[in-house]
Amino acid sequence: MFSDALGFDVGTARHLLKQGEEGEGVAYLEEFIAKGSVIAVIEMAEHLDNKGDQSASLTLMERAEGSIAEDDFGALLYLARALRRGLGAGTAQERYFRASEGTRCRGRSFGDHSRDDRELF
């Protein structure tokens, strides 16, 4: 699984949420959201979407989209994958184009970093 520079570990969050320890999982997500982890924000948005709270999920995805630093390639890729899975506002086509545009870095497509993509996931 993937972890970010702040120490947030996607695998840990998903394990806690899926093993019936929702309170611990949410607390883990909130801890890293407070530290500024964009990936934790995206994971919380997915969790809320799965629980049926699309409004809160959309709010968090909007926050995530606006919070990613241009050079945070891991978060950019993670956001793109979330948008393509259906998280975030807009139609599937709109999300697809936002995902594609969001992963363009300094004139190069994020696809130019395909080795990094394989290493992250």
C-alpha atoms as a PDB file:
ATOM      1  CA  MET A   1       0.000   0.000   0.000  1.00  0.00           C
ATOM      2  CA  PHE A   2       0.886   3.633  -0.128  1.00  0.00           C
ATOM      3  CA  SER A   3       2.005   6.037   2.574  1.00  0.00           C
ATOM      4  CA  ASP A   4       2.713   9.742   2.313  1.00  0.00           C
ATOM      5  CA  ALA A   5       5.444  12.011   3.672  1.00  0.00           C
ATOM      6  CA  LEU A   6       3.378  12.709   6.804  1.00  0.00           C
ATOM      7  CA  GLY A   7       3.284   9.024   7.690  1.00  0.00           C
ATOM      8  CA  PHE A   8      -0.314   8.342   6.678  1.00  0.00           C
ATOM      9  CA  ASP A   9      -0.637   4.732   5.554  1.00  0.00           C
ATOM     10  CA  VAL A  10      -3.548   3.858   3.279  1.00  0.00           C
ATOM     11  CA  GLY A  11      -3.349   0.168   4.181  1.00  0.00           C
ATOM     12  CA  THR A  12      -3.658   0.877   7.896  1.00  0.00           C
ATOM     13  CA  ALA A  13      -6.684   3.119   7.366  1.00  0.00           C
ATOM     14  CA  ARG A  14      -8.440   0.612   5.120  1.00  0.00           C
ATOM     15  CA  HIS A  15      -7.682  -2.262   7.479  1.00  0.00           C
ATOM     16  CA  LEU A  16      -9.147  -0.411  10.459  1.00  0.00           C
ATOM     17  CA  LEU A  17     -12.248   0.648   8.531  1.00  0.00           C
ATOM     18  CA  LYS A  18     -12.922  -2.783   7.035  1.00  0.00           C
ATOM     19  CA  GLN A  19     -12.217  -4.862  10.130  1.00  0.00           C
ATOM     20  CA  GLY A  20     -15.146  -3.428  12.053  1.00  0.00           C
ATOM     21  CA  GLU A  21     -13.013  -0.865  13.848  1.00  0.00           C
ATOM     22  CA  GLU A  22     -14.663   2.126  12.218  1.00  0.00           C
ATOM     23  CA  GLY A  23     -14.118   4.429  15.194  1.00  0.00           C
ATOM     24  CA  GLU A  24     -10.387   3.732  15.193  1.00  0.00           C
ATOM     25  CA  GLY A  25     -10.246   4.046  11.412  1.00  0.00           C
ATOM     26  CA  VAL A  26     -12.014   7.401  11.416  1.00  0.00           C
ATOM     27  CA  ALA A  27      -9.793   8.623  14.266  1.00  0.00           C
ATOM     28  CA  TYR A  28      -6.722   7.555  12.280  1.00  0.00           C
ATOM     29  CA  LEU A  29      -7.981   9.446   9.215  1.00  0.00           C
ATOM     30  CA  GLU A  30      -8.830  12.540  11.271  1.00  0.00           C
ATOM     31  CA  GLU A  31      -5.369  12.527  12.869  1.00  0.00           C
ATOM     32  CA  PHE A  32      -3.683  12.724   9.469  1.00  0.00           C
ATOM     33  CA  ILE A  33      -6.219  15.122   7.991  1.00  0.00           C
ATOM     34  CA  ALA A  34      -5.315  17.478  10.847  1.00  0.00           C
ATOM     35  CA  LYS A  35      -1.631  17.075   9.917  1.00  0.00           C
ATOM     36  CA  GLY A  36      -2.403  18.068   6.322  1.00  0.00           C
ATOM     37  CA  SER A  37      -2.460  14.712   4.528  1.00  0.00           C
ATOM     38  CA  VAL A  38      -4.363  15.153   1.269  1.00  0.00           C
ATOM     39  CA  ILE A  39      -4.421  11.392   0.794  1.00  0.00           C
ATOM     40  CA  ALA A  40      -6.140  10.997   4.177  1.00  0.00           C
ATOM     41  CA  VAL A  41      -8.746  13.537   3.023  1.00  0.00           C
ATOM     42  CA  ILE A  42      -9.377  11.454  -0.113  1.00  0.00           C
ATOM     43  CA  GLU A  43      -9.628   8.246   1.937  1.00  0.00           C
ATOM     44  CA  MET A  44     -12.127   9.911   4.296  1.00  0.00           C
ATOM     45  CA  ALA A  45     -14.136  11.096   1.274  1.00  0.00           C
ATOM     46  CA  GLU A  46     -14.249   7.538  -0.030  1.00  0.00           C
ATOM     47  CA  HIS A  47     -15.260   6.198   3.387  1.00  0.00           C
ATOM     48  CA  LEU A  48     -18.095   8.725   3.660  1.00  0.00           C
ATOM     49  CA  ASP A  49     -19.219   7.993   0.099  1.00  0.00           C
ATOM     50  CA  ASN A  50     -19.336   4.279   0.930  1.00  0.00           C
ATOM     51  CA  LYS A  51     -21.441   5.096   4.013  1.00  0.00           C
ATOM     52  CA  GLY A  52     -23.905   7.040   1.826  1.00  0.00           C
ATOM     53  CA  ASP A  53     -22.893  10.581   2.815  1.00  0.00           C
ATOM     54  CA  GLN A  54     -22.230  11.926  -0.680  1.00  0.00           C
ATOM     55  CA  SER A  55     -22.511  15.556   0.422  1.00  0.00           C
ATOM     56  CA  ALA A  56     -19.663  15.274   2.931  1.00  0.00           C
ATOM     57  CA  SER A  57     -17.672  13.194   0.458  1.00  0.00           C
ATOM     58  CA  LEU A  58     -18.021  15.847  -2.253  1.00  0.00           C
ATOM     59  CA  THR A  59     -16.955  18.562   0.179  1.00  0.00           C
ATOM     60  CA  LEU A  60     -13.824  16.624   1.116  1.00  0.00           C
ATOM     61  CA  MET A  61     -12.970  15.854  -2.506  1.00  0.00           C
ATOM     62  CA  GLU A  62     -13.266  19.547  -3.361  1.00  0.00           C
ATOM     63  CA  ARG A  63     -10.942  20.299  -0.455  1.00  0.00           C
ATOM     64  CA  ALA A  64      -8.472  17.664  -1.653  1.00  0.00           C
ATOM     65  CA  GLU A  65      -8.507  18.949  -5.235  1.00  0.00           C
ATOM     66  CA  GLY A  66      -7.716  22.457  -4.013  1.00  0.00           C
ATOM     67  CA  SER A  67      -5.035  21.421  -1.526  1.00  0.00           C
ATOM     68  CA  ILE A  68      -2.533  19.445  -3.565  1.00  0.00           C
ATOM     69  CA  ALA A  69       0.831  21.053  -4.143  1.00  0.00           C
ATOM     70  CA  GLU A  70       1.948  20.975  -7.780  1.00  0.00           C
ATOM     71  CA  ASP A  71       5.002  18.884  -6.912  1.00  0.00           C
ATOM     72  CA  ASP A  72       3.143  16.362  -4.722  1.00  0.00           C
ATOM     73  CA  PHE A  73       3.110  13.652  -7.375  1.00  0.00           C
ATOM     74  CA  GLY A  74       1.849  10.933  -5.036  1.00  0.00           C
ATOM     75  CA  ALA A  75      -1.192  12.963  -3.988  1.00  0.00           C
ATOM     76  CA  LEU A  76      -1.847  14.028  -7.598  1.00  0.00           C
ATOM     77  CA  LEU A  77      -1.845  10.422  -8.730  1.00  0.00           C
ATOM     78  CA  TYR A  78      -3.985   9.336  -5.779  1.00  0.00           C
ATOM     79  CA  LEU A  79      -6.506  12.086  -6.563  1.00  0.00           C
ATOM     80  CA  ALA A  80      -6.613  11.107 -10.226  1.00  0.00           C
ATOM     81  CA  ARG A  81      -7.329   7.502  -9.319  1.00  0.00           C
ATOM     82  CA  ALA A  82     -10.098   8.577  -6.904  1.00  0.00           C
ATOM     83  CA  LEU A  83     -11.716  10.783  -9.549  1.00  0.00           C
ATOM     84  CA  ARG A  84     -11.641   7.943 -12.045  1.00  0.00           C
ATOM     85  CA  ARG A  85     -13.256   5.628  -9.455  1.00  0.00           C
ATOM     86  CA  GLY A  86     -16.192   8.033  -9.258  1.00  0.00           C
ATOM     87  CA  LEU A  87     -15.381  10.225  -6.274  1.00  0.00           C
ATOM     88  CA  GLY A  88     -15.804  13.973  -6.643  1.00  0.00           C
ATOM     89  CA  ALA A  89     -18.266  16.292  -8.329  1.00  0.00           C
ATOM     90  CA  GLY A  90     -19.376  16.196 -11.935  1.00  0.00           C
ATOM     91  CA  THR A  91     -20.107  13.633 -14.567  1.00  0.00           C
ATOM     92  CA  ALA A  92     -17.799  10.721 -15.241  1.00  0.00           C
ATOM     93  CA  GLN A  93     -16.431  12.602 -18.247  1.00  0.00           C
ATOM     94  CA  GLU A  94     -15.801  15.769 -16.209  1.00  0.00           C
ATOM     95  CA  ARG A  95     -14.006  13.784 -13.501  1.00  0.00           C
ATOM     96  CA  TYR A  96     -11.941  11.979 -16.141  1.00  0.00           C
ATOM     97  CA  PHE A  97     -10.772  15.266 -17.654  1.00  0.00           C
ATOM     98  CA  ARG A  98     -10.023  16.776 -14.223  1.00  0.00           C
ATOM     99  CA  ALA A  99      -8.023  13.668 -13.376  1.00  0.00           C
ATOM    100  CA  SER A 100      -6.081  13.971 -16.631  1.00  0.00           C
ATOM    101  CA  GLU A 101      -5.463  17.694 -16.214  1.00  0.00           C
ATOM    102  CA  GLY A 102      -4.554  17.364 -12.559  1.00  0.00           C
ATOM    103  CA  THR A 103      -1.814  14.899 -13.332  1.00  0.00           C
ATOM    104  CA  ARG A 104       0.000  17.139 -15.802  1.00  0.00           C
ATOM    105  CA  CYS A 105       3.153  18.449 -14.194  1.00  0.00           C
ATOM    106  CA  ARG A 106       5.357  21.176 -15.673  1.00  0.00           C
ATOM    107  CA  GLY A 107       4.414  20.430 -19.244  1.00  0.00           C
ATOM    108  CA  ARG A 108       4.793  16.654 -18.935  1.00  0.00           C
ATOM    109  CA  SER A 109       2.017  14.188 -18.477  1.00  0.00           C
ATOM    110  CA  PHE A 110       2.168  12.309 -15.206  1.00  0.00           C
ATOM    111  CA  GLY A 111       2.183   9.238 -17.427  1.00  0.00           C
ATOM    112  CA  ASP A 112       5.844  10.085 -18.048  1.00  0.00           C
ATOM    113  CA  HIS A 113       6.386   8.901 -14.483  1.00  0.00           C
ATOM    114  CA  SER A 114       4.969   5.417 -15.099  1.00  0.00           C
ATOM    115  CA  ARG A 115       7.760   3.726 -13.131  1.00  0.00           C
ATOM    116  CA  ASP A 116       6.852   5.851 -10.116  1.00  0.00           C
ATOM    117  CA  ASP A 117       3.196   4.857 -10.557  1.00  0.00           C
ATOM    118  CA  ARG A 118       4.066   1.157 -10.424  1.00  0.00           C
ATOM    119  CA  GLU A 119       6.191   1.692  -7.314  1.00  0.00           C
ATOM    120  CA  LEU A 120       3.450   3.588  -5.487  1.00  0.00           C
ATOM    121  CA  PHE A 121       0.707   1.070  -6.089  1.00  0.00           C
END
